[in-house]
Amino acid sequence: SGGGLVQPGGSLRLSCVTSGLIFSGNVIGWYRQ
């Protein structure tokens, strides 16, 4: 969540809420397309 329309030079904060079975040694990343 957290996406939207913003002017150049502006800021946004994206959030990623995880649920389910999460093991140690995991890596979380943000990608874009």
All heavy atoms as atom14 arrays in JSON, in Angstrom:
{
  "sequence": "SGGGLVQPGGSLRLSCVTSGLIFSGNVIGWYRQ",
  "atom14_mask": [
    [1, 1, 1, 1, 1, 1, 0, 0, 0, 0, 0, 0, 0, 0],
    [1, 1, 1, 1, 0, 0, 0, 0, 0, 0, 0, 0, 0, 0],
    [1, 1, 1, 1, 0, 0, 0, 0, 0, 0, 0, 0, 0, 0],
    [1, 1, 1, 1, 0, 0, 0, 0, 0, 0, 0, 0, 0, 0],
    [1, 1, 1, 1, 1, 1, 1, 1, 0, 0, 0, 0, 0, 0],
    [1, 1, 1, 1, 1, 1, 1, 0, 0, 0, 0, 0, 0, 0],
    [1, 1, 1, 1, 1, 1, 1, 1, 1, 0, 0, 0, 0, 0],
    [1, 1, 1, 1, 1, 1, 1, 0, 0, 0, 0, 0, 0, 0],
    [1, 1, 1, 1, 0, 0, 0, 0, 0, 0, 0, 0, 0, 0],
    [1, 1, 1, 1, 0, 0, 0, 0, 0, 0, 0, 0, 0, 0],
    [1, 1, 1, 1, 1, 1, 0, 0, 0, 0, 0, 0, 0, 0],
    [1, 1, 1, 1, 1, 1, 1, 1, 0, 0, 0, 0, 0, 0],
    [1, 1, 1, 1, 1, 1, 1, 1, 1, 1, 1, 0, 0, 0],
    [1, 1, 1, 1, 1, 1, 1, 1, 0, 0, 0, 0, 0, 0],
    [1, 1, 1, 1, 1, 1, 0, 0, 0, 0, 0, 0, 0, 0],
    [1, 1, 1, 1, 1, 1, 0, 0, 0, 0, 0, 0, 0, 0],
    [1, 1, 1, 1, 1, 1, 1, 0, 0, 0, 0, 0, 0, 0],
    [1, 1, 1, 1, 1, 1, 1, 0, 0, 0, 0, 0, 0, 0],
    [1, 1, 1, 1, 1, 1, 0, 0, 0, 0, 0, 0, 0, 0],
    [1, 1, 1, 1, 0, 0, 0, 0, 0, 0, 0, 0, 0, 0],
    [1, 1, 1, 1, 1, 1, 1, 1, 0, 0, 0, 0, 0, 0],
    [1, 1, 1, 1, 1, 1, 1, 1, 0, 0, 0, 0, 0, 0],
    [1, 1, 1, 1, 1, 1, 1, 1, 1, 1, 1, 0, 0, 0],
    [1, 1, 1, 1, 1, 1, 0, 0, 0, 0, 0, 0, 0, 0],
    [1, 1, 1, 1, 0, 0, 0, 0, 0, 0, 0, 0, 0, 0],
    [1, 1, 1, 1, 1, 1, 1, 1, 0, 0, 0, 0, 0, 0],
    [1, 1, 1, 1, 1, 1, 1, 0, 0, 0, 0, 0, 0, 0],
    [1, 1, 1, 1, 1, 1, 1, 1, 0, 0, 0, 0, 0, 0],
    [1, 1, 1, 1, 0, 0, 0, 0, 0, 0, 0, 0, 0, 0],
    [1, 1, 1, 1, 1, 1, 1, 1, 1, 1, 1, 1, 1, 1],
    [1, 1, 1, 1, 1, 1, 1, 1, 1, 1, 1, 1, 0, 0],
    [1, 1, 1, 1, 1, 1, 1, 1, 1, 1, 1, 0, 0, 0],
    [1, 1, 1, 1, 1, 1, 1, 1, 1, 0, 0, 0, 0, 0]
  ],
  "atom14_positions": [
    [[0.85, -1.18, 0.0], [0.0, 0.0, 0.0], [0.89, 1.23, 0.0], [2.11, 1.13, 0.2], [-0.94, 0.02, 1.21], [-0.19, 0.07, 2.41], [0.0, 0.0, 0.0], [0.0, 0.0, 0.0], [0.0, 0.0, 0.0], [0.0, 0.0, 0.0], [0.0, 0.0, 0.0], [0.0, 0.0, 0.0], [0.0, 0.0, 0.0], [0.0, 0.0, 0.0]],
    [[0.27, 2.4, -0.22], [1.01, 3.65, -0.13], [1.33, 4.32, -1.45], [1.88, 5.42, -1.46], [0.0, 0.0, 0.0], [0.0, 0.0, 0.0], [0.0, 0.0, 0.0], [0.0, 0.0, 0.0], [0.0, 0.0, 0.0], [0.0, 0.0, 0.0], [0.0, 0.0, 0.0], [0.0, 0.0, 0.0], [0.0, 0.0, 0.0], [0.0, 0.0, 0.0]],
    [[1.01, 3.66, -2.56], [1.28, 4.28, -3.84], [0.34, 5.45, -4.12], [-0.6, 5.7, -3.36], [0.0, 0.0, 0.0], [0.0, 0.0, 0.0], [0.0, 0.0, 0.0], [0.0, 0.0, 0.0], [0.0, 0.0, 0.0], [0.0, 0.0, 0.0], [0.0, 0.0, 0.0], [0.0, 0.0, 0.0], [0.0, 0.0, 0.0], [0.0, 0.0, 0.0]],
    [[0.62, 6.16, -5.2], [-0.23, 7.28, -5.57], [0.44, 8.2, -6.56], [1.47, 7.85, -7.14], [0.0, 0.0, 0.0], [0.0, 0.0, 0.0], [0.0, 0.0, 0.0], [0.0, 0.0, 0.0], [0.0, 0.0, 0.0], [0.0, 0.0, 0.0], [0.0, 0.0, 0.0], [0.0, 0.0, 0.0], [0.0, 0.0, 0.0], [0.0, 0.0, 0.0]],
    [[-0.18, 9.35, -6.73], [0.35, 10.37, -7.65], [1.08, 11.44, -6.83], [0.53, 11.96, -5.84], [-0.81, 11.0, -8.42], [-0.47, 12.21, -9.31], [0.49, 11.8, -10.42], [-1.74, 12.81, -9.87], [0.0, 0.0, 0.0], [0.0, 0.0, 0.0], [0.0, 0.0, 0.0], [0.0, 0.0, 0.0], [0.0, 0.0, 0.0], [0.0, 0.0, 0.0]],
    [[2.29, 11.76, -7.24], [3.08, 12.76, -6.52], [3.85, 13.6, -7.53], [4.2, 13.12, -8.62], [4.04, 12.07, -5.52], [5.05, 11.2, -6.24], [4.73, 13.08, -4.62], [0.0, 0.0, 0.0], [0.0, 0.0, 0.0], [0.0, 0.0, 0.0], [0.0, 0.0, 0.0], [0.0, 0.0, 0.0], [0.0, 0.0, 0.0], [0.0, 0.0, 0.0]],
    [[4.11, 14.84, -7.2], [4.86, 15.72, -8.09], [6.35, 15.42, -7.99], [6.83, 14.92, -6.96], [4.6, 17.18, -7.71], [3.19, 17.64, -7.99], [3.02, 19.14, -7.76], [3.84, 19.78, -7.12], [1.95, 19.69, -8.3], [0.0, 0.0, 0.0], [0.0, 0.0, 0.0], [0.0, 0.0, 0.0], [0.0, 0.0, 0.0], [0.0, 0.0, 0.0]],
    [[7.09, 15.74, -9.04], [8.55, 15.57, -8.98], [9.13, 16.3, -7.77], [8.72, 17.42, -7.45], [9.03, 16.19, -10.29], [7.88, 16.01, -11.22], [6.64, 16.2, -10.37], [0.0, 0.0, 0.0], [0.0, 0.0, 0.0], [0.0, 0.0, 0.0], [0.0, 0.0, 0.0], [0.0, 0.0, 0.0], [0.0, 0.0, 0.0], [0.0, 0.0, 0.0]],
    [[10.05, 15.64, -7.08], [10.64, 16.19, -5.87], [9.9, 15.81, -4.61], [10.39, 16.06, -3.5], [0.0, 0.0, 0.0], [0.0, 0.0, 0.0], [0.0, 0.0, 0.0], [0.0, 0.0, 0.0], [0.0, 0.0, 0.0], [0.0, 0.0, 0.0], [0.0, 0.0, 0.0], [0.0, 0.0, 0.0], [0.0, 0.0, 0.0], [0.0, 0.0, 0.0]],
    [[8.73, 15.21, -4.76], [7.94, 14.82, -3.61], [8.36, 13.5, -2.99], [9.36, 12.89, -3.41], [0.0, 0.0, 0.0], [0.0, 0.0, 0.0], [0.0, 0.0, 0.0], [0.0, 0.0, 0.0], [0.0, 0.0, 0.0], [0.0, 0.0, 0.0], [0.0, 0.0, 0.0], [0.0, 0.0, 0.0], [0.0, 0.0, 0.0], [0.0, 0.0, 0.0]],
    [[7.58, 13.07, -2.0], [7.9, 11.85, -1.25], [6.68, 10.96, -1.13], [5.54, 11.44, -1.14], [8.4, 12.2, 0.15], [9.59, 12.95, 0.11], [0.0, 0.0, 0.0], [0.0, 0.0, 0.0], [0.0, 0.0, 0.0], [0.0, 0.0, 0.0], [0.0, 0.0, 0.0], [0.0, 0.0, 0.0], [0.0, 0.0, 0.0], [0.0, 0.0, 0.0]],
    [[6.93, 9.68, -1.0], [5.91, 8.68, -0.7], [6.54, 7.62, 0.18], [7.75, 7.38, 0.1], [5.37, 8.01, -1.97], [4.35, 8.73, -2.83], [4.07, 7.91, -4.09], [3.07, 9.0, -2.08], [0.0, 0.0, 0.0], [0.0, 0.0, 0.0], [0.0, 0.0, 0.0], [0.0, 0.0, 0.0], [0.0, 0.0, 0.0], [0.0, 0.0, 0.0]],
    [[5.72, 6.96, 0.99], [6.18, 5.81, 1.75], [5.3, 4.61, 1.42], [4.09, 4.65, 1.66], [6.16, 6.07, 3.26], [6.83, 4.93, 4.04], [6.9, 5.18, 5.53], [5.64, 4.93, 6.19], [5.51, 4.71, 7.49], [6.58, 4.7, 8.26], [4.32, 4.51, 8.03], [0.0, 0.0, 0.0], [0.0, 0.0, 0.0], [0.0, 0.0, 0.0]],
    [[5.92, 3.59, 0.9], [5.23, 2.34, 0.6], [5.34, 1.4, 1.79], [6.36, 1.38, 2.48], [5.81, 1.68, -0.64], [5.89, 2.51, -1.91], [6.42, 1.67, -3.07], [4.55, 3.12, -2.25], [0.0, 0.0, 0.0], [0.0, 0.0, 0.0], [0.0, 0.0, 0.0], [0.0, 0.0, 0.0], [0.0, 0.0, 0.0], [0.0, 0.0, 0.0]],
    [[4.29, 0.61, 1.99], [4.29, -0.39, 3.05], [4.01, -1.77, 2.47], [3.23, -1.89, 1.52], [3.21, -0.07, 4.1], [3.43, 1.19, 4.7], [0.0, 0.0, 0.0], [0.0, 0.0, 0.0], [0.0, 0.0, 0.0], [0.0, 0.0, 0.0], [0.0, 0.0, 0.0], [0.0, 0.0, 0.0], [0.0, 0.0, 0.0], [0.0, 0.0, 0.0]],
    [[4.61, -2.78, 3.06], [4.38, -4.16, 2.66], [4.14, -4.96, 3.95], [5.08, -5.15, 4.74], [5.56, -4.73, 1.9], [5.48, -6.5, 1.57], [0.0, 0.0, 0.0], [0.0, 0.0, 0.0], [0.0, 0.0, 0.0], [0.0, 0.0, 0.0], [0.0, 0.0, 0.0], [0.0, 0.0, 0.0], [0.0, 0.0, 0.0], [0.0, 0.0, 0.0]],
    [[2.9, -5.38, 4.15], [2.56, -6.16, 5.33], [2.66, -7.64, 4.99], [2.05, -8.1, 4.01], [1.15, -5.82, 5.83], [0.81, -6.67, 7.05], [1.05, -4.34, 6.17], [0.0, 0.0, 0.0], [0.0, 0.0, 0.0], [0.0, 0.0, 0.0], [0.0, 0.0, 0.0], [0.0, 0.0, 0.0], [0.0, 0.0, 0.0], [0.0, 0.0, 0.0]],
    [[3.4, -8.38, 5.79], [3.58, -9.81, 5.55], [2.75, -10.62, 6.53], [2.55, -10.21, 7.68], [5.06, -10.22, 5.69], [5.48, -10.01, 7.05], [5.94, -9.38, 4.79], [0.0, 0.0, 0.0], [0.0, 0.0, 0.0], [0.0, 0.0, 0.0], [0.0, 0.0, 0.0], [0.0, 0.0, 0.0], [0.0, 0.0, 0.0], [0.0, 0.0, 0.0]],
    [[2.28, -11.76, 6.09], [1.55, -12.67, 6.96], [1.85, -14.1, 6.54], [2.32, -14.34, 5.43], [0.04, -12.4, 6.91], [-0.45, -12.61, 5.6], [0.0, 0.0, 0.0], [0.0, 0.0, 0.0], [0.0, 0.0, 0.0], [0.0, 0.0, 0.0], [0.0, 0.0, 0.0], [0.0, 0.0, 0.0], [0.0, 0.0, 0.0], [0.0, 0.0, 0.0]],
    [[1.57, -15.03, 7.44], [1.86, -16.42, 7.16], [3.15, -16.85, 7.83], [3.68, -16.16, 8.69], [0.0, 0.0, 0.0], [0.0, 0.0, 0.0], [0.0, 0.0, 0.0], [0.0, 0.0, 0.0], [0.0, 0.0, 0.0], [0.0, 0.0, 0.0], [0.0, 0.0, 0.0], [0.0, 0.0, 0.0], [0.0, 0.0, 0.0], [0.0, 0.0, 0.0]],
    [[3.67, -17.96, 7.39], [4.85, -18.55, 8.02], [6.12, -17.93, 7.44], [6.44, -18.16, 6.28], [4.84, -20.07, 7.81], [5.72, -20.89, 8.74], [5.38, -20.6, 10.2], [5.56, -22.36, 8.43], [0.0, 0.0, 0.0], [0.0, 0.0, 0.0], [0.0, 0.0, 0.0], [0.0, 0.0, 0.0], [0.0, 0.0, 0.0], [0.0, 0.0, 0.0]],
    [[6.8, -17.16, 8.26], [8.03, -16.49, 7.84], [9.2, -17.13, 8.56], [9.22, -17.18, 9.79], [7.99, -14.98, 8.15], [6.72, -14.34, 7.6], [9.24, -14.31, 7.6], [6.59, -14.4, 6.09], [0.0, 0.0, 0.0], [0.0, 0.0, 0.0], [0.0, 0.0, 0.0], [0.0, 0.0, 0.0], [0.0, 0.0, 0.0], [0.0, 0.0, 0.0]],
    [[10.18, -17.61, 7.8], [11.33, -18.31, 8.37], [12.51, -17.37, 8.54], [12.59, -16.32, 7.9], [11.74, -19.47, 7.46], [10.71, -20.56, 7.37], [9.87, -20.65, 6.28], [10.58, -21.5, 8.38], [8.91, -21.65, 6.19], [9.63, -22.5, 8.31], [8.8, -22.58, 7.21], [0.0, 0.0, 0.0], [0.0, 0.0, 0.0], [0.0, 0.0, 0.0]],
    [[13.44, -17.78, 9.36], [14.66, -17.0, 9.53], [15.48, -17.08, 8.25], [15.32, -18.0, 7.45], [15.48, -17.53, 10.71], [15.84, -18.88, 10.47], [0.0, 0.0, 0.0], [0.0, 0.0, 0.0], [0.0, 0.0, 0.0], [0.0, 0.0, 0.0], [0.0, 0.0, 0.0], [0.0, 0.0, 0.0], [0.0, 0.0, 0.0], [0.0, 0.0, 0.0]],
    [[16.33, -16.08, 8.05], [17.15, -16.04, 6.86], [16.44, -15.47, 5.65], [16.95, -15.52, 4.54], [0.0, 0.0, 0.0], [0.0, 0.0, 0.0], [0.0, 0.0, 0.0], [0.0, 0.0, 0.0], [0.0, 0.0, 0.0], [0.0, 0.0, 0.0], [0.0, 0.0, 0.0], [0.0, 0.0, 0.0], [0.0, 0.0, 0.0], [0.0, 0.0, 0.0]],
    [[15.25, -14.91, 5.85], [14.52, -14.38, 4.7], [15.09, -13.04, 4.25], [15.76, -12.34, 5.0], [13.04, -14.23, 5.05], [12.79, -13.21, 6.14], [12.8, -12.01, 5.9], [12.58, -13.69, 7.36], [0.0, 0.0, 0.0], [0.0, 0.0, 0.0], [0.0, 0.0, 0.0], [0.0, 0.0, 0.0], [0.0, 0.0, 0.0], [0.0, 0.0, 0.0]],
    [[14.78, -12.71, 3.02], [15.14, -11.41, 2.43], [13.88, -10.83, 1.82], [13.17, -11.52, 1.07], [16.22, -11.54, 1.35], [16.54, -10.17, 0.74], [17.49, -12.17, 1.92], [0.0, 0.0, 0.0], [0.0, 0.0, 0.0], [0.0, 0.0, 0.0], [0.0, 0.0, 0.0], [0.0, 0.0, 0.0], [0.0, 0.0, 0.0], [0.0, 0.0, 0.0]],
    [[13.59, -9.58, 2.14], [12.45, -8.89, 1.55], [12.96, -7.76, 0.68], [13.89, -7.03, 1.07], [11.5, -8.36, 2.64], [10.87, -9.55, 3.37], [10.41, -7.5, 2.0], [9.85, -9.16, 4.41], [0.0, 0.0, 0.0], [0.0, 0.0, 0.0], [0.0, 0.0, 0.0], [0.0, 0.0, 0.0], [0.0, 0.0, 0.0], [0.0, 0.0, 0.0]],
    [[12.35, -7.63, -0.47], [12.79, -6.61, -1.4], [11.63, -5.86, -2.04], [10.49, -6.33, -2.03], [0.0, 0.0, 0.0], [0.0, 0.0, 0.0], [0.0, 0.0, 0.0], [0.0, 0.0, 0.0], [0.0, 0.0, 0.0], [0.0, 0.0, 0.0], [0.0, 0.0, 0.0], [0.0, 0.0, 0.0], [0.0, 0.0, 0.0], [0.0, 0.0, 0.0]],
    [[11.94, -4.7, -2.54], [11.02, -3.93, -3.37], [11.56, -3.95, -4.8], [12.76, -3.71, -5.03], [10.91, -2.49, -2.89], [10.09, -2.32, -1.66], [10.54, -2.24, -0.37], [8.67, -2.21, -1.59], [9.49, -2.09, 0.49], [8.32, -2.06, -0.22], [7.64, -2.23, -2.53], [7.0, -1.94, 0.2], [6.33, -2.1, -2.11], [6.02, -1.95, -0.76]],
    [[10.67, -4.25, -5.73], [10.99, -4.24, -7.16], [10.0, -3.3, -7.84], [8.95, -2.98, -7.27], [10.85, -5.65, -7.75], [11.89, -6.62, -7.28], [11.85, -7.14, -5.98], [12.91, -7.03, -8.11], [12.81, -8.04, -5.54], [13.88, -7.93, -7.68], [13.81, -8.43, -6.4], [14.77, -9.32, -5.97], [0.0, 0.0, 0.0], [0.0, 0.0, 0.0]],
    [[10.32, -2.88, -9.04], [9.39, -2.04, -9.78], [9.41, -2.41, -11.26], [10.41, -2.91, -11.77], [9.71, -0.55, -9.59], [11.03, -0.11, -10.2], [11.31, 1.34, -9.81], [12.58, 1.83, -10.39], [13.12, 3.01, -10.1], [12.51, 3.84, -9.24], [14.25, 3.37, -10.67], [0.0, 0.0, 0.0], [0.0, 0.0, 0.0], [0.0, 0.0, 0.0]],
    [[8.27, -2.13, -11.88], [8.16, -2.4, -13.31], [7.43, -1.24, -13.98], [6.26, -0.98, -13.68], [7.41, -3.71, -13.57], [7.41, -4.13, -15.02], [6.99, -5.57, -15.2], [6.38, -6.18, -14.33], [7.35, -6.14, -16.34], [0.0, 0.0, 0.0], [0.0, 0.0, 0.0], [0.0, 0.0, 0.0], [0.0, 0.0, 0.0], [0.0, 0.0, 0.0]]
  ]
}
